[in-house]
Amino acid sequence: MEQELQVPSNAETPTARTLQTDSRLLLSLAVTAAITGGGLLVFFTVVTAVGW
């Protein structure tokens, strides 16, 4: 005899939870990389303009 497993329709799956956690991490890394890249661009622009 087989038993059917019933999961509530509003239950959060582990895959969805993992995806949400990973997307938060990737968003944080992307924002950090963008800020760092922008800062480096400004730094090297200023250094080039000053002529060091």
N, C-alpha and C. Protein backbone atom coordinates (compact mmCIF):
# COMPACT_ATOMS: atom_id res chain seq x y z
N MET A 1 0.83 -1.19 0.00
CA MET A 1 0.00 0.00 0.00
C MET A 1 0.87 1.25 0.00
N GLU A 2 0.55 2.17 -0.87
CA GLU A 2 1.30 3.42 -0.92
C GLU A 2 0.55 4.51 -0.17
N GLN A 3 1.30 5.37 0.46
CA GLN A 3 0.69 6.50 1.14
C GLN A 3 1.01 7.77 0.36
N GLU A 4 0.02 8.60 0.25
CA GLU A 4 0.24 9.90 -0.40
C GLU A 4 0.65 10.91 0.64
N LEU A 5 1.67 11.68 0.29
CA LEU A 5 2.16 12.71 1.17
C LEU A 5 1.45 14.01 0.82
N GLN A 6 0.79 14.59 1.77
CA GLN A 6 0.07 15.84 1.51
C GLN A 6 0.82 16.99 2.17
N VAL A 7 1.12 17.97 1.36
CA VAL A 7 1.83 19.16 1.83
C VAL A 7 0.87 20.34 1.72
N PRO A 8 0.78 21.15 2.74
CA PRO A 8 -0.09 22.32 2.63
C PRO A 8 0.31 23.19 1.44
N SER A 9 -0.67 23.80 0.79
CA SER A 9 -0.39 24.58 -0.42
C SER A 9 0.45 25.82 -0.13
N ASN A 10 0.45 26.30 1.09
CA ASN A 10 1.23 27.50 1.42
C ASN A 10 2.56 27.16 2.09
N ALA A 11 2.96 25.89 2.09
CA ALA A 11 4.23 25.49 2.71
C ALA A 11 5.40 25.98 1.87
N GLU A 12 6.41 26.47 2.54
CA GLU A 12 7.61 26.96 1.86
C GLU A 12 8.58 25.79 1.68
N THR A 13 9.01 25.58 0.47
CA THR A 13 9.91 24.47 0.20
C THR A 13 11.35 24.87 0.53
N PRO A 14 12.19 23.90 0.86
CA PRO A 14 13.60 24.22 1.13
C PRO A 14 14.29 24.87 -0.08
N THR A 15 13.89 24.47 -1.29
CA THR A 15 14.49 25.06 -2.49
C THR A 15 14.18 26.55 -2.58
N ALA A 16 12.94 26.91 -2.28
CA ALA A 16 12.56 28.32 -2.32
C ALA A 16 13.32 29.12 -1.27
N ARG A 17 13.50 28.53 -0.11
CA ARG A 17 14.23 29.21 0.97
C ARG A 17 15.69 29.40 0.57
N THR A 18 16.28 28.37 -0.03
CA THR A 18 17.67 28.46 -0.48
C THR A 18 17.82 29.50 -1.57
N LEU A 19 16.88 29.52 -2.50
CA LEU A 19 16.92 30.50 -3.58
C LEU A 19 16.82 31.92 -3.04
N GLN A 20 15.96 32.12 -2.05
CA GLN A 20 15.81 33.44 -1.45
C GLN A 20 17.10 33.86 -0.75
N THR A 21 17.72 32.95 -0.01
CA THR A 21 18.97 33.26 0.68
C THR A 21 20.08 33.55 -0.32
N ASP A 22 20.18 32.74 -1.37
CA ASP A 22 21.22 32.96 -2.39
C ASP A 22 21.02 34.28 -3.12
N SER A 23 19.77 34.63 -3.42
CA SER A 23 19.53 35.88 -4.14
C SER A 23 19.88 37.08 -3.27
N ARG A 24 19.63 36.99 -1.97
CA ARG A 24 20.03 38.09 -1.08
C ARG A 24 21.54 38.25 -1.06
N LEU A 25 22.25 37.13 -1.00
CA LEU A 25 23.70 37.17 -0.99
C LEU A 25 24.25 37.74 -2.30
N LEU A 26 23.71 37.28 -3.42
CA LEU A 26 24.18 37.77 -4.71
C LEU A 26 23.87 39.25 -4.90
N LEU A 27 22.71 39.69 -4.43
CA LEU A 27 22.37 41.11 -4.53
C LEU A 27 23.35 41.95 -3.71
N SER A 28 23.67 41.49 -2.51
CA SER A 28 24.63 42.21 -1.67
C SER A 28 26.00 42.29 -2.34
N LEU A 29 26.44 41.17 -2.90
CA LEU A 29 27.73 41.17 -3.58
C LEU A 29 27.73 42.07 -4.81
N ALA A 30 26.63 42.09 -5.55
CA ALA A 30 26.54 42.94 -6.74
C ALA A 30 26.58 44.42 -6.36
N VAL A 31 25.87 44.78 -5.31
CA VAL A 31 25.88 46.18 -4.87
C VAL A 31 27.28 46.58 -4.39
N THR A 32 27.92 45.69 -3.65
CA THR A 32 29.28 45.96 -3.16
C THR A 32 30.25 46.12 -4.32
N ALA A 33 30.14 45.24 -5.31
CA ALA A 33 31.03 45.33 -6.48
C ALA A 33 30.79 46.61 -7.26
N ALA A 34 29.53 47.03 -7.39
CA ALA A 34 29.21 48.26 -8.11
C ALA A 34 29.77 49.49 -7.39
N ILE A 35 29.64 49.52 -6.08
CA ILE A 35 30.16 50.65 -5.31
C ILE A 35 31.69 50.69 -5.38
N THR A 36 32.32 49.53 -5.25
CA THR A 36 33.77 49.47 -5.33
C THR A 36 34.27 49.88 -6.71
N GLY A 37 33.60 49.38 -7.75
CA GLY A 37 33.98 49.74 -9.12
C GLY A 37 33.82 51.23 -9.38
N GLY A 38 32.73 51.80 -8.89
CA GLY A 38 32.52 53.24 -9.04
C GLY A 38 33.57 54.05 -8.30
N GLY A 39 33.92 53.59 -7.11
CA GLY A 39 34.96 54.28 -6.34
C GLY A 39 36.31 54.23 -7.02
N LEU A 40 36.65 53.08 -7.58
CA LEU A 40 37.91 52.96 -8.31
C LEU A 40 37.93 53.84 -9.56
N LEU A 41 36.80 53.90 -10.24
CA LEU A 41 36.70 54.74 -11.43
C LEU A 41 36.92 56.21 -11.07
N VAL A 42 36.28 56.66 -10.01
CA VAL A 42 36.45 58.05 -9.57
C VAL A 42 37.89 58.28 -9.13
N PHE A 43 38.46 57.35 -8.38
CA PHE A 43 39.84 57.50 -7.90
C PHE A 43 40.81 57.66 -9.06
N PHE A 44 40.73 56.75 -10.04
CA PHE A 44 41.68 56.82 -11.14
C PHE A 44 41.42 58.02 -12.05
N THR A 45 40.17 58.47 -12.13
CA THR A 45 39.88 59.69 -12.88
C THR A 45 40.54 60.90 -12.23
N VAL A 46 40.43 60.98 -10.92
CA VAL A 46 41.02 62.10 -10.18
C VAL A 46 42.54 62.03 -10.28
N VAL A 47 43.12 60.86 -10.11
CA VAL A 47 44.58 60.72 -10.19
C VAL A 47 45.08 61.10 -11.58
N THR A 48 44.34 60.69 -12.61
CA THR A 48 44.75 61.05 -13.98
C THR A 48 44.61 62.55 -14.22
N ALA A 49 43.55 63.16 -13.69
CA ALA A 49 43.34 64.60 -13.88
C ALA A 49 44.41 65.42 -13.17
N VAL A 50 44.82 64.97 -11.99
CA VAL A 50 45.83 65.70 -11.22
C VAL A 50 47.20 65.52 -11.88
N GLY A 51 47.43 64.36 -12.49
CA GLY A 51 48.64 64.14 -13.24
C GLY A 51 49.79 63.58 -12.44
N TRP A 52 49.48 62.75 -11.45
CA TRP A 52 50.55 62.17 -10.65
C TRP A 52 51.26 61.10 -11.38
